[in-house]
Every structure is written in C-alpha cells, then in structure tokens.
PDB file of N, CA and C in Angstrom:
ATOM      1  N   MET A   1       0.826  -1.191   0.000  1.00  0.00           N
ATOM      2  CA  MET A   1       0.000   0.000   0.000  1.00  0.00           C
ATOM      3  C   MET A   1       0.870   1.254   0.000  1.00  0.00           C
ATOM      4  N   THR A   2       1.913   1.248   0.753  1.00  0.00           N
ATOM      5  CA  THR A   2       2.799   2.401   0.838  1.00  0.00           C
ATOM      6  C   THR A   2       3.486   2.659  -0.497  1.00  0.00           C
ATOM      7  N   LYS A   3       3.873   1.592  -1.182  1.00  0.00           N
ATOM      8  CA  LYS A   3       4.542   1.754  -2.471  1.00  0.00           C
ATOM      9  C   LYS A   3       3.600   2.397  -3.495  1.00  0.00           C
ATOM     10  N   ILE A   4       2.369   1.947  -3.534  1.00  0.00           N
ATOM     11  CA  ILE A   4       1.378   2.528  -4.458  1.00  0.00           C
ATOM     12  C   ILE A   4       1.150   3.997  -4.114  1.00  0.00           C
ATOM     13  N   TRP A   5       1.056   4.264  -2.833  1.00  0.00           N
ATOM     14  CA  TRP A   5       0.848   5.652  -2.387  1.00  0.00           C
ATOM     15  C   TRP A   5       2.023   6.524  -2.822  1.00  0.00           C
ATOM     16  N   ASP A   6       3.222   6.061  -2.600  1.00  0.00           N
ATOM     17  CA  ASP A   6       4.418   6.816  -2.977  1.00  0.00           C
ATOM     18  C   ASP A   6       4.473   7.047  -4.488  1.00  0.00           C
ATOM     19  N   GLU A   7       4.127   6.022  -5.260  1.00  0.00           N
ATOM     20  CA  GLU A   7       4.136   6.163  -6.716  1.00  0.00           C
ATOM     21  C   GLU A   7       3.079   7.173  -7.178  1.00  0.00           C
ATOM     22  N   THR A   8       1.927   7.134  -6.538  1.00  0.00           N
ATOM     23  CA  THR A   8       0.853   8.072  -6.891  1.00  0.00           C
ATOM     24  C   THR A   8       1.278   9.505  -6.591  1.00  0.00           C
ATOM     25  N   ILE A   9       1.811   9.721  -5.404  1.00  0.00           N
ATOM     26  CA  ILE A   9       2.258  11.064  -5.021  1.00  0.00           C
ATOM     27  C   ILE A   9       3.375  11.524  -5.952  1.00  0.00           C
ATOM     28  N   SER A  10       4.295  10.640  -6.257  1.00  0.00           N
ATOM     29  CA  SER A  10       5.399  10.973  -7.156  1.00  0.00           C
ATOM     30  C   SER A  10       4.865  11.359  -8.536  1.00  0.00           C
ATOM     31  N   TYR A  11       3.904  10.617  -9.040  1.00  0.00           N
ATOM     32  CA  TYR A  11       3.306  10.905 -10.347  1.00  0.00           C
ATOM     33  C   TYR A  11       2.618  12.275 -10.337  1.00  0.00           C
ATOM     34  N   ILE A  12       1.861  12.545  -9.263  1.00  0.00           N
ATOM     35  CA  ILE A  12       1.143  13.829  -9.160  1.00  0.00           C
ATOM     36  C   ILE A  12       2.131  14.983  -9.165  1.00  0.00           C
ATOM     37  N   PHE A  13       3.194  14.887  -8.360  1.00  0.00           N
ATOM     38  CA  PHE A  13       4.158  15.979  -8.297  1.00  0.00           C
ATOM     39  C   PHE A  13       4.938  16.124  -9.595  1.00  0.00           C
ATOM     40  N   THR A  14       5.166  15.029 -10.290  1.00  0.00           N
ATOM     41  CA  THR A  14       5.847  15.101 -11.580  1.00  0.00           C
ATOM     42  C   THR A  14       4.973  15.845 -12.583  1.00  0.00           C
ATOM     43  N   LYS A  15       3.695  15.523 -12.622  1.00  0.00           N
ATOM     44  CA  LYS A  15       2.780  16.197 -13.546  1.00  0.00           C
ATOM     45  C   LYS A  15       2.616  17.671 -13.185  1.00  0.00           C
ATOM     46  N   MET A  16       2.558  17.966 -11.901  1.00  0.00           N
ATOM     47  CA  MET A  16       2.392  19.353 -11.474  1.00  0.00           C
ATOM     48  C   MET A  16       3.639  20.171 -11.759  1.00  0.00           C
ATOM     49  N   ALA A  17       4.800  19.525 -11.750  1.00  0.00           N
ATOM     50  CA  ALA A  17       6.053  20.241 -11.958  1.00  0.00           C
ATOM     51  C   ALA A  17       6.294  20.576 -13.422  1.00  0.00           C
ATOM     52  N   GLU A  18       5.582  19.928 -14.331  1.00  0.00           N
ATOM     53  CA  GLU A  18       5.750  20.236 -15.748  1.00  0.00           C
ATOM     54  C   GLU A  18       5.330  21.675 -15.993  1.00  0.00           C
ATOM     55  N   THR A  19       6.170  22.401 -16.655  1.00  0.00           N
ATOM     56  CA  THR A  19       5.854  23.808 -16.909  1.00  0.00           C
ATOM     57  C   THR A  19       5.304  23.967 -18.311  1.00  0.00           C
ATOM     58  N   ARG A  20       4.319  24.788 -18.392  1.00  0.00           N
ATOM     59  CA  ARG A  20       3.747  25.159 -19.679  1.00  0.00           C
ATOM     60  C   ARG A  20       3.713  26.681 -19.703  1.00  0.00           C
ATOM     61  N   PRO A  21       4.122  27.268 -20.790  1.00  0.00           N
ATOM     62  CA  PRO A  21       4.069  28.731 -20.844  1.00  0.00           C
ATOM     63  C   PRO A  21       2.617  29.217 -20.839  1.00  0.00           C
ATOM     64  N   ILE A  22       2.383  30.225 -20.058  1.00  0.00           N
ATOM     65  CA  ILE A  22       1.054  30.836 -20.006  1.00  0.00           C
ATOM     66  C   ILE A  22       1.085  32.034 -20.940  1.00  0.00           C
ATOM     67  N   PRO A  23       0.252  32.028 -21.971  1.00  0.00           N
ATOM     68  CA  PRO A  23       0.278  33.154 -22.911  1.00  0.00           C
ATOM     69  C   PRO A  23      -0.182  34.445 -22.231  1.00  0.00           C
ATOM     70  N   THR A  24       0.605  35.483 -22.405  1.00  0.00           N
ATOM     71  CA  THR A  24       0.256  36.794 -21.848  1.00  0.00           C
ATOM     72  C   THR A  24       0.515  37.856 -22.905  1.00  0.00           C
ATOM     73  N   PRO A  25      -0.266  38.909 -22.877  1.00  0.00           N
ATOM     74  CA  PRO A  25      -0.048  39.985 -23.851  1.00  0.00           C
ATOM     75  C   PRO A  25       1.243  40.750 -23.539  1.00  0.00           C
ATOM     76  N   HIS A  26       1.915  41.206 -24.584  1.00  0.00           N
ATOM     77  CA  HIS A  26       3.103  42.033 -24.369  1.00  0.00           C
ATOM     78  C   HIS A  26       2.660  43.478 -24.143  1.00  0.00           C
ATOM     79  N   ASN A  27       3.606  44.364 -23.886  1.00  0.00           N
ATOM     80  CA  ASN A  27       3.290  45.741 -23.483  1.00  0.00           C
ATOM     81  C   ASN A  27       2.410  46.480 -24.487  1.00  0.00           C
ATOM     82  N   GLU A  28       2.703  46.353 -25.758  1.00  0.00           N
ATOM     83  CA  GLU A  28       1.900  47.049 -26.773  1.00  0.00           C
ATOM     84  C   GLU A  28       0.463  46.539 -26.774  1.00  0.00           C
ATOM     85  N   GLN A  29       0.309  45.233 -26.622  1.00  0.00           N
ATOM     86  CA  GLN A  29      -1.038  44.658 -26.581  1.00  0.00           C
ATOM     87  C   GLN A  29      -1.773  45.100 -25.319  1.00  0.00           C
ATOM     88  N   LEU A  30      -1.054  45.134 -24.193  1.00  0.00           N
ATOM     89  CA  LEU A  30      -1.679  45.612 -22.951  1.00  0.00           C
ATOM     90  C   LEU A  30      -2.117  47.068 -23.086  1.00  0.00           C
ATOM     91  N   GLU A  31      -1.280  47.867 -23.723  1.00  0.00           N
ATOM     92  CA  GLU A  31      -1.620  49.278 -23.937  1.00  0.00           C
ATOM     93  C   GLU A  31      -2.886  49.398 -24.789  1.00  0.00           C
ATOM     94  N   GLU A  32      -2.952  48.612 -25.847  1.00  0.00           N
ATOM     95  CA  GLU A  32      -4.137  48.643 -26.715  1.00  0.00           C
ATOM     96  C   GLU A  32      -5.379  48.158 -25.965  1.00  0.00           C
ATOM     97  N   LEU A  33      -5.240  47.112 -25.157  1.00  0.00           N
ATOM     98  CA  LEU A  33      -6.376  46.622 -24.361  1.00  0.00           C
ATOM     99  C   LEU A  33      -6.831  47.679 -23.359  1.00  0.00           C
ATOM    100  N   THR A  34      -5.878  48.400 -22.775  1.00  0.00           N
ATOM    101  CA  THR A  34      -6.222  49.487 -21.852  1.00  0.00           C
ATOM    102  C   THR A  34      -6.979  50.586 -22.585  1.00  0.00           C
ATOM    103  N   ASN A  35      -6.515  50.932 -23.780  1.00  0.00           N
ATOM    104  CA  ASN A  35      -7.211  51.950 -24.577  1.00  0.00           C
ATOM    105  C   ASN A  35      -8.634  51.509 -24.913  1.00  0.00           C
ATOM    106  N   LEU A  36      -8.792  50.237 -25.250  1.00  0.00           N
ATOM    107  CA  LEU A  36     -10.130  49.722 -25.559  1.00  0.00           C
ATOM    108  C   LEU A  36     -11.033  49.780 -24.329  1.00  0.00           C
ATOM    109  N   THR A  37     -10.481  49.466 -23.159  1.00  0.00           N
ATOM    110  CA  THR A  37     -11.256  49.532 -21.916  1.00  0.00           C
ATOM    111  C   THR A  37     -11.672  50.968 -21.620  1.00  0.00           C
ATOM    112  N   ASN A  38     -10.738  51.904 -21.785  1.00  0.00           N
ATOM    113  CA  ASN A  38     -11.059  53.313 -21.541  1.00  0.00           C
ATOM    114  C   ASN A  38     -12.118  53.814 -22.519  1.00  0.00           C
ATOM    115  N   SER A  39     -12.028  53.381 -23.760  1.00  0.00           N
ATOM    116  CA  SER A  39     -13.043  53.765 -24.755  1.00  0.00           C
ATOM    117  C   SER A  39     -14.410  53.221 -24.362  1.00  0.00           C
ATOM    118  N   ALA A  40     -14.441  51.985 -23.886  1.00  0.00           N
ATOM    119  CA  ALA A  40     -15.711  51.376 -23.474  1.00  0.00           C
ATOM    120  C   ALA A  40     -16.321  52.145 -22.308  1.00  0.00           C
ATOM    121  N   ARG A  41     -15.497  52.564 -21.369  1.00  0.00           N
ATOM    122  CA  ARG A  41     -16.007  53.356 -20.235  1.00  0.00           C
ATOM    123  C   ARG A  41     -16.568  54.690 -20.712  1.00  0.00           C
ATOM    124  N   GLY A  42     -15.863  55.331 -21.636  1.00  0.00           N
ATOM    125  CA  GLY A  42     -16.348  56.597 -22.187  1.00  0.00           C
ATOM    126  C   GLY A  42     -17.673  56.422 -22.917  1.00  0.00           C
ATOM    127  N   ARG A  43     -17.783  55.331 -23.664  1.00  0.00           N
ATOM    128  CA  ARG A  43     -19.048  55.061 -24.369  1.00  0.00           C
ATOM    129  C   ARG A  43     -20.180  54.813 -23.385  1.00  0.00           C
ATOM    130  N   ALA A  44     -19.886  54.138 -22.293  1.00  0.00           N
ATOM    131  CA  ALA A  44     -20.930  53.873 -21.290  1.00  0.00           C
ATOM    132  C   ALA A  44     -21.433  55.186 -20.694  1.00  0.00           C
ATOM    133  N   ARG A  45     -20.509  56.098 -20.388  1.00  0.00           N
ATOM    134  CA  ARG A  45     -20.926  57.411 -19.862  1.00  0.00           C
ATOM    135  C   ARG A  45     -21.748  58.177 -20.895  1.00  0.00           C
ATOM    136  N   GLU A  46     -21.294  58.144 -22.140  1.00  0.00           N
ATOM    137  CA  GLU A  46     -22.009  58.841 -23.210  1.00  0.00           C
ATOM    138  C   GLU A  46     -23.396  58.237 -23.418  1.00  0.00           C
ATOM    139  N   ARG A  47     -23.493  56.919 -23.364  1.00  0.00           N
ATOM    140  CA  ARG A  47     -24.792  56.253 -23.521  1.00  0.00           C
ATOM    141  C   ARG A  47     -25.743  56.670 -22.402  1.00  0.00           C
ATOM    142  N   GLN A  48     -25.240  56.746 -21.173  1.00  0.00           N
ATOM    143  CA  GLN A  48     -26.083  57.183 -20.054  1.00  0.00           C
ATOM    144  C   GLN A  48     -26.572  58.611 -20.275  1.00  0.00           C
ATOM    145  N   ARG A  49     -25.672  59.478 -20.763  1.00  0.00           N
ATOM    146  CA  ARG A  49     -26.049  60.868 -21.024  1.00  0.00           C
ATOM    147  C   ARG A  49     -27.138  60.927 -22.096  1.00  0.00           C
ATOM    148  N   ILE A  50     -26.983  60.143 -23.145  1.00  0.00           N
ATOM    149  CA  ILE A  50     -27.963  60.133 -24.235  1.00  0.00           C
ATOM    150  C   ILE A  50     -29.303  59.602 -23.741  1.00  0.00           C
ATOM    151  N   HIS A  51     -29.284  58.524 -22.972  1.00  0.00           N
ATOM    152  CA  HIS A  51     -30.545  57.966 -22.463  1.00  0.00           C
ATOM    153  C   HIS A  51     -31.255  58.953 -21.548  1.00  0.00           C
ATOM    154  N   LYS A  52     -30.492  59.690 -20.740  1.00  0.00           N
ATOM    155  CA  LYS A  52     -31.111  60.704 -19.875  1.00  0.00           C
ATOM    156  C   LYS A  52     -31.742  61.808 -20.726  1.00  0.00           C
ATOM    157  N   LYS A  53     -31.025  62.227 -21.765  1.00  0.00           N
ATOM    158  CA  LYS A  53     -31.547  63.267 -22.653  1.00  0.00           C
ATOM    159  C   LYS A  53     -32.819  62.775 -23.362  1.00  0.00           C
ATOM    160  N   ILE A  54     -32.823  61.525 -23.795  1.00  0.00           N
ATOM    161  CA  ILE A  54     -34.019  60.966 -24.438  1.00  0.00           C
ATOM    162  C   ILE A  54     -35.189  60.978 -23.465  1.00  0.00           C
ATOM    163  N   GLN A  55     -34.934  60.581 -22.221  1.00  0.00           N
ATOM    164  CA  GLN A  55     -36.000  60.579 -21.217  1.00  0.00           C
ATOM    165  C   GLN A  55     -36.516  61.993 -20.970  1.00  0.00           C
ATOM    166  N   ASP A  56     -35.606  62.970 -20.921  1.00  0.00           N
ATOM    167  CA  ASP A  56     -36.021  64.366 -20.738  1.00  0.00           C
ATOM    168  C   ASP A  56     -36.915  64.825 -21.894  1.00  0.00           C
ATOM    169  N   ILE A  57     -36.538  64.475 -23.110  1.00  0.00           N
ATOM    170  CA  ILE A  57     -37.334  64.865 -24.279  1.00  0.00           C
ATOM    171  C   ILE A  57     -38.705  64.196 -24.238  1.00  0.00           C
ATOM    172  N   MET A  58     -38.736  62.922 -23.893  1.00  0.00           N
ATOM    173  CA  MET A  58     -40.023  62.222 -23.816  1.00  0.00           C
ATOM    174  C   MET A  58     -40.910  62.848 -22.735  1.00  0.00           C
ATOM    175  N   ASP A  59     -40.308  63.245 -21.623  1.00  0.00           N
ATOM    176  CA  ASP A  59     -41.078  63.923 -20.575  1.00  0.00           C
ATOM    177  C   ASP A  59     -41.631  65.253 -21.079  1.00  0.00           C
ATOM    178  N   GLN A  60     -40.812  65.997 -21.830  1.00  0.00           N
ATOM    179  CA  GLN A  60     -41.277  67.273 -22.387  1.00  0.00           C
ATOM    180  C   GLN A  60     -42.447  67.050 -23.343  1.00  0.00           C
ATOM    181  N   LYS A  61     -42.324  66.045 -24.197  1.00  0.00           N
ATOM    182  CA  LYS A  61     -43.405  65.759 -25.145  1.00  0.00           C
ATOM    183  C   LYS A  61     -44.687  65.380 -24.407  1.00  0.00           C
ATOM    184  N   GLU A  62     -44.526  64.597 -23.355  1.00  0.00           N
ATOM    185  CA  GLU A  62     -45.702  64.193 -22.582  1.00  0.00           C
ATOM    186  C   GLU A  62     -46.362  65.400 -21.914  1.00  0.00           C
ATOM    187  N   ASP A  63     -45.543  66.330 -21.435  1.00  0.00           N
ATOM    188  CA  ASP A  63     -46.086  67.537 -20.803  1.00  0.00           C
ATOM    189  C   ASP A  63     -46.820  68.423 -21.803  1.00  0.00           C
ATOM    190  N   MET A  64     -46.461  68.349 -23.078  1.00  0.00           N
ATOM    191  CA  MET A  64     -47.102  69.176 -24.097  1.00  0.00           C
ATOM    192  C   MET A  64     -48.452  68.625 -24.536  1.00  0.00           C
ATOM    193  N   MET A  65     -48.776  67.438 -24.131  1.00  0.00           N
ATOM    194  CA  MET A  65     -49.986  66.792 -24.624  1.00  0.00           C
ATOM    195  C   MET A  65     -51.099  66.814 -23.583  1.00  0.00           C
ATOM    196  N   PRO A  66     -51.687  67.980 -23.360  1.00  0.00           N
ATOM    197  CA  PRO A  66     -52.800  68.041 -22.405  1.00  0.00           C
ATOM    198  C   PRO A  66     -54.053  67.402 -23.000  1.00  0.00           C
ATOM    199  N   ALA A  67     -55.116  67.464 -22.289  1.00  0.00           N
ATOM    200  CA  ALA A  67     -56.378  66.854 -22.718  1.00  0.00           C
ATOM    201  C   ALA A  67     -57.017  67.598 -23.885  1.00  0.00           C
ATOM    202  N   ASN A  68     -56.406  68.659 -24.355  1.00  0.00           N
ATOM    203  CA  ASN A  68     -56.918  69.446 -25.466  1.00  0.00           C
ATOM    204  C   ASN A  68     -56.794  68.642 -26.767  1.00  0.00           C
ATOM    205  N   PRO A  69     -57.884  68.471 -27.518  1.00  0.00           N
ATOM    206  CA  PRO A  69     -57.821  67.688 -28.756  1.00  0.00           C
ATOM    207  C   PRO A  69     -56.978  68.356 -29.847  1.00  0.00           C
ATOM    208  N   TYR A  70     -56.677  69.646 -29.705  1.00  0.00           N
ATOM    209  CA  TYR A  70     -55.912  70.369 -30.725  1.00  0.00           C
ATOM    210  C   TYR A  70     -54.497  70.680 -30.251  1.00  0.00           C
ATOM    211  N   TRP A  71     -53.983  69.897 -29.312  1.00  0.00           N
ATOM    212  CA  TRP A  71     -52.665  70.171 -28.730  1.00  0.00           C
ATOM    213  C   TRP A  71     -51.556  70.174 -29.777  1.00  0.00           C
ATOM    214  N   CYS A  72     -51.686  69.349 -30.808  1.00  0.00           N
ATOM    215  CA  CYS A  72     -50.600  69.226 -31.783  1.00  0.00           C
ATOM    216  C   CYS A  72     -50.370  70.516 -32.565  1.00  0.00           C
ATOM    217  N   TYR A  73     -51.418  71.317 -32.763  1.00  0.00           N
ATOM    218  CA  TYR A  73     -51.252  72.576 -33.500  1.00  0.00           C
ATOM    219  C   TYR A  73     -50.487  73.596 -32.680  1.00  0.00           C
ATOM    220  N   ALA A  74     -50.741  73.635 -31.391  1.00  0.00           N
ATOM    221  CA  ALA A  74     -50.095  74.619 -30.524  1.00  0.00           C
ATOM    222  C   ALA A  74     -48.599  74.336 -30.359  1.00  0.00           C
ATOM    223  N   TYR A  75     -48.228  73.073 -30.363  1.00  0.00           N
ATOM    224  CA  TYR A  75     -46.836  72.712 -30.084  1.00  0.00           C
ATOM    225  C   TYR A  75     -46.125  72.098 -31.294  1.00  0.00           C
ATOM    226  N   ARG A  76     -46.675  72.330 -32.470  1.00  0.00           N
ATOM    227  CA  ARG A  76     -46.155  71.682 -33.674  1.00  0.00           C
ATOM    228  C   ARG A  76     -44.655  71.921 -33.877  1.00  0.00           C
ATOM    229  N   ASP A  77     -44.205  73.171 -33.786  1.00  0.00           N
ATOM    230  CA  ASP A  77     -42.787  73.476 -34.009  1.00  0.00           C
ATOM    231  C   ASP A  77     -41.905  72.883 -32.915  1.00  0.00           C
ATOM    232  N   GLN A  78     -42.376  72.994 -31.672  1.00  0.00           N
ATOM    233  CA  GLN A  78     -41.588  72.433 -30.569  1.00  0.00           C
ATOM    234  C   GLN A  78     -41.468  70.917 -30.703  1.00  0.00           C
ATOM    235  N   LEU A  79     -42.566  70.272 -31.059  1.00  0.00           N
ATOM    236  CA  LEU A  79     -42.537  68.820 -31.234  1.00  0.00           C
ATOM    237  C   LEU A  79     -41.613  68.418 -32.387  1.00  0.00           C
ATOM    238  N   ALA A  80     -41.634  69.195 -33.458  1.00  0.00           N
ATOM    239  CA  ALA A  80     -40.750  68.901 -34.594  1.00  0.00           C
ATOM    240  C   ALA A  80     -39.286  69.026 -34.171  1.00  0.00           C
ATOM    241  N   ASN A  81     -38.976  70.059 -33.378  1.00  0.00           N
ATOM    242  CA  ASN A  81     -37.603  70.222 -32.886  1.00  0.00           C
ATOM    243  C   ASN A  81     -37.198  69.057 -31.983  1.00  0.00           C
ATOM    244  N   LEU A  82     -38.113  68.644 -31.115  1.00  0.00           N
ATOM    245  CA  LEU A  82     -37.819  67.521 -30.226  1.00  0.00           C
ATOM    246  C   LEU A  82     -37.621  66.229 -31.024  1.00  0.00           C
ATOM    247  N   ASP A  83     -38.423  66.047 -32.065  1.00  0.00           N
ATOM    248  CA  ASP A  83     -38.268  64.857 -32.909  1.00  0.00           C
ATOM    249  C   ASP A  83     -36.918  64.862 -33.633  1.00  0.00           C
ATOM    250  N   ARG A  84     -36.491  66.045 -34.090  1.00  0.00           N
ATOM    251  CA  ARG A  84     -35.176  66.139 -34.730  1.00  0.00           C
ATOM    252  C   ARG A  84     -34.066  65.815 -33.729  1.00  0.00           C
ATOM    253  N   GLU A  85     -34.235  66.304 -32.508  1.00  0.00           N
ATOM    254  CA  GLU A  85     -33.236  66.018 -31.480  1.00  0.00           C
ATOM    255  C   GLU A  85     -33.199  64.522 -31.147  1.00  0.00           C
ATOM    256  N   LEU A  86     -34.381  63.892 -31.101  1.00  0.00           N
ATOM    257  CA  LEU A  86     -34.429  62.441 -30.868  1.00  0.00           C
ATOM    258  C   LEU A  86     -33.732  61.684 -31.999  1.00  0.00           C
ATOM    259  N   ALA A  87     -33.932  62.125 -33.226  1.00  0.00           N
ATOM    260  CA  ALA A  87     -33.278  61.474 -34.367  1.00  0.00           C
ATOM    261  C   ALA A  87     -31.758  61.620 -34.269  1.00  0.00           C
ATOM    262  N   SER A  88     -31.310  62.794 -33.842  1.00  0.00           N
ATOM    263  CA  SER A  88     -29.875  63.015 -33.663  1.00  0.00           C
ATOM    264  C   SER A  88     -29.307  62.105 -32.573  1.00  0.00           C
ATOM    265  N   LEU A  89     -30.034  61.977 -31.477  1.00  0.00           N
ATOM    266  CA  LEU A  89     -29.591  61.102 -30.389  1.00  0.00           C
ATOM    267  C   LEU A  89     -29.560  59.643 -30.839  1.00  0.00           C
ATOM    268  N   ASP A  90     -30.519  59.267 -31.675  1.00  0.00           N
ATOM    269  CA  ASP A  90     -30.535  57.904 -32.206  1.00  0.00           C
ATOM    270  C   ASP A  90     -29.303  57.652 -33.075  1.00  0.00           C
ATOM    271  N   ARG A  91     -28.926  58.640 -33.885  1.00  0.00           N
ATOM    272  CA  ARG A  91     -27.714  58.502 -34.707  1.00  0.00           C
ATOM    273  C   ARG A  91     -26.477  58.369 -33.815  1.00  0.00           C
ATOM    274  N   GLN A  92     -26.458  59.131 -32.717  1.00  0.00           N
ATOM    275  CA  GLN A  92     -25.325  59.035 -31.790  1.00  0.00           C
ATOM    276  C   GLN A  92     -25.240  57.644 -31.167  1.00  0.00           C
ATOM    277  N   LEU A  93     -26.394  57.083 -30.800  1.00  0.00           N
ATOM    278  CA  LEU A  93     -26.403  55.723 -30.246  1.00  0.00           C
ATOM    279  C   LEU A  93     -25.924  54.707 -31.281  1.00  0.00           C
ATOM    280  N   ASN A  94     -26.340  54.882 -32.526  1.00  0.00           N
ATOM    281  CA  ASN A  94     -25.885  53.981 -33.594  1.00  0.00           C
ATOM    282  C   ASN A  94     -24.371  54.082 -33.784  1.00  0.00           C
ATOM    283  N   HIS A  95     -23.851  55.302 -33.678  1.00  0.00           N
ATOM    284  CA  HIS A  95     -22.406  55.508 -33.791  1.00  0.00           C
ATOM    285  C   HIS A  95     -21.676  54.798 -32.648  1.00  0.00           C
ATOM    286  N   LEU A  96     -22.221  54.883 -31.435  1.00  0.00           N
ATOM    287  CA  LEU A  96     -21.621  54.188 -30.289  1.00  0.00           C
ATOM    288  C   LEU A  96     -21.626  52.676 -30.510  1.00  0.00           C
ATOM    289  N   ARG A  97     -22.733  52.148 -31.053  1.00  0.00           N
ATOM    290  CA  ARG A  97     -22.808  50.708 -31.325  1.00  0.00           C
ATOM    291  C   ARG A  97     -21.754  50.288 -32.353  1.00  0.00           C
ATOM    292  N   ALA A  98     -21.564  51.118 -33.369  1.00  0.00           N
ATOM    293  CA  ALA A  98     -20.555  50.808 -34.392  1.00  0.00           C
ATOM    294  C   ALA A  98     -19.155  50.811 -33.775  1.00  0.00           C
ATOM    295  N   GLN A  99     -18.895  51.774 -32.895  1.00  0.00           N
ATOM    296  CA  GLN A  99     -17.599  51.802 -32.209  1.00  0.00           C
ATOM    297  C   GLN A  99     -17.414  50.554 -31.351  1.00  0.00           C
ATOM    298  N   GLU A 100     -18.482  50.140 -30.667  1.00  0.00           N
ATOM    299  CA  GLU A 100     -18.401  48.934 -29.836  1.00  0.00           C
ATOM    300  C   GLU A 100     -18.054  47.710 -30.674  1.00  0.00           C
ATOM    301  N   LYS A 101     -18.704  47.568 -31.813  1.00  0.00           N
ATOM    302  CA  LYS A 101     -18.420  46.422 -32.684  1.00  0.00           C
ATOM    303  C   LYS A 101     -16.975  46.452 -33.164  1.00  0.00           C
ATOM    304  N   ARG A 102     -16.521  47.638 -33.563  1.00  0.00           N
ATOM    305  CA  ARG A 102     -15.150  47.779 -34.055  1.00  0.00           C
ATOM    306  C   ARG A 102     -14.143  47.437 -32.947  1.00  0.00           C
ATOM    307  N   ASP A 103     -14.393  47.939 -31.737  1.00  0.00           N
ATOM    308  CA  ASP A 103     -13.491  47.659 -30.617  1.00  0.00           C
ATOM    309  C   ASP A 103     -13.534  46.190 -30.208  1.00  0.00           C
ATOM    310  N   ALA A 104     -14.709  45.575 -30.283  1.00  0.00           N
ATOM    311  CA  ALA A 104     -14.814  44.146 -29.957  1.00  0.00           C
ATOM    312  C   ALA A 104     -13.995  43.321 -30.945  1.00  0.00           C
ATOM    313  N   THR A 105     -14.020  43.704 -32.204  1.00  0.00           N
ATOM    314  CA  THR A 105     -13.221  43.009 -33.212  1.00  0.00           C
ATOM    315  C   THR A 105     -11.735  43.174 -32.925  1.00  0.00           C
ATOM    316  N   LYS A 106     -11.322  44.411 -32.596  1.00  0.00           N
ATOM    317  CA  LYS A 106      -9.917  44.652 -32.255  1.00  0.00           C
ATOM    318  C   LYS A 106      -9.496  43.816 -31.053  1.00  0.00           C
ATOM    319  N   GLU A 107     -10.352  43.781 -30.032  1.00  0.00           N
ATOM    320  CA  GLU A 107     -10.024  43.022 -28.826  1.00  0.00           C
ATOM    321  C   GLU A 107      -9.889  41.529 -29.136  1.00  0.00           C
ATOM    322  N   ARG A 108     -10.805  41.008 -29.933  1.00  0.00           N
ATOM    323  CA  ARG A 108     -10.748  39.600 -30.317  1.00  0.00           C
ATOM    324  C   ARG A 108      -9.447  39.305 -31.073  1.00  0.00           C
ATOM    325  N   GLU A 109      -9.075  40.203 -31.985  1.00  0.00           N
ATOM    326  CA  GLU A 109      -7.837  40.016 -32.745  1.00  0.00           C
ATOM    327  C   GLU A 109      -6.619  40.042 -31.826  1.00  0.00           C
ATOM    328  N   LEU A 110      -6.629  40.964 -30.854  1.00  0.00           N
ATOM    329  CA  LEU A 110      -5.507  41.030 -29.907  1.00  0.00           C
ATOM    330  C   LEU A 110      -5.367  39.739 -29.114  1.00  0.00           C
ATOM    331  N   TRP A 111      -6.491  39.249 -28.600  1.00  0.00           N
ATOM    332  CA  TRP A 111      -6.425  38.022 -27.801  1.00  0.00           C
ATOM    333  C   TRP A 111      -6.055  36.819 -28.655  1.00  0.00           C
ATOM    334  N   ASN A 112      -6.464  36.811 -29.915  1.00  0.00           N
ATOM    335  CA  ASN A 112      -6.070  35.718 -30.812  1.00  0.00           C
ATOM    336  C   ASN A 112      -4.559  35.729 -31.057  1.00  0.00           C
ATOM    337  N   GLN A 113      -3.953  36.921 -31.072  1.00  0.00           N
ATOM    338  CA  GLN A 113      -2.503  37.018 -31.222  1.00  0.00           C
ATOM    339  C   GLN A 113      -1.784  36.497 -29.983  1.00  0.00           C
ATOM    340  N   VAL A 114      -2.395  36.696 -28.815  1.00  0.00           N
ATOM    341  CA  VAL A 114      -1.778  36.271 -27.557  1.00  0.00           C
ATOM    342  C   VAL A 114      -1.778  34.755 -27.452  1.00  0.00           C
ATOM    343  N   VAL A 115      -2.877  34.139 -27.786  1.00  0.00           N
ATOM    344  CA  VAL A 115      -3.015  32.684 -27.620  1.00  0.00           C
ATOM    345  C   VAL A 115      -2.377  31.941 -28.713  1.00  0.00           C
TER     346      VAL A 115
END
C-alpha cells in the first residue's frame, strides 16, 4: 500500500512540476487593451447621457400633450424640434454601437494574437 501511495504522489508531483508557458499579452497589446477599456467606459458614460436626454425629451413631449384635442397645433414646431433632437440622439447611439463592434473586433484580434 505504501509503495502505491508513494508512486501516486510521485506521479502527481511530476505532472504538477511540468511547466507550460502561459500566454500573456506584451506591453503594446496591454496598452491597446487598456485603450479599448477606456473607450468602453467613455461610451458607457455617453450612452447614459444620451438615455437621460431621451427621457427628458419624452417627458417634455408628454407635458405638451394636455387633454386638449388640438394640442398638436399649438406645439407643432416644438414637437418637430424635439423629434429632430431624438433622431440626432438615435444617430449618436448607432455611432456608439458601431464603435463597440469595431473595438470588440480589435479586442478579439488582440487576444487571438496572444493565444
């Protein structure tokens, strides 16, 4: 029993002692990954700002719609301006999504180079 135990322990320590290189990014890759992380944080802040602005616009539109059946005539220009602003914010969100996709591709390529 002792011999089997000793052989088992010896085998385990032999396998554990085998070294395998662990792939890690080099400095340039780390710098690029850091830049991608910082960009993602900036996009998250920008997205929050845009969503807050959208909510503010929706609240304004809701406030303009009283029980008056002719409300749209009184606020027609203001509503058109708010709709244009919403369209602009939508374009900004689409731009952020495109940046996210581009950065995700870059990140995937970087990690593929590491491994």
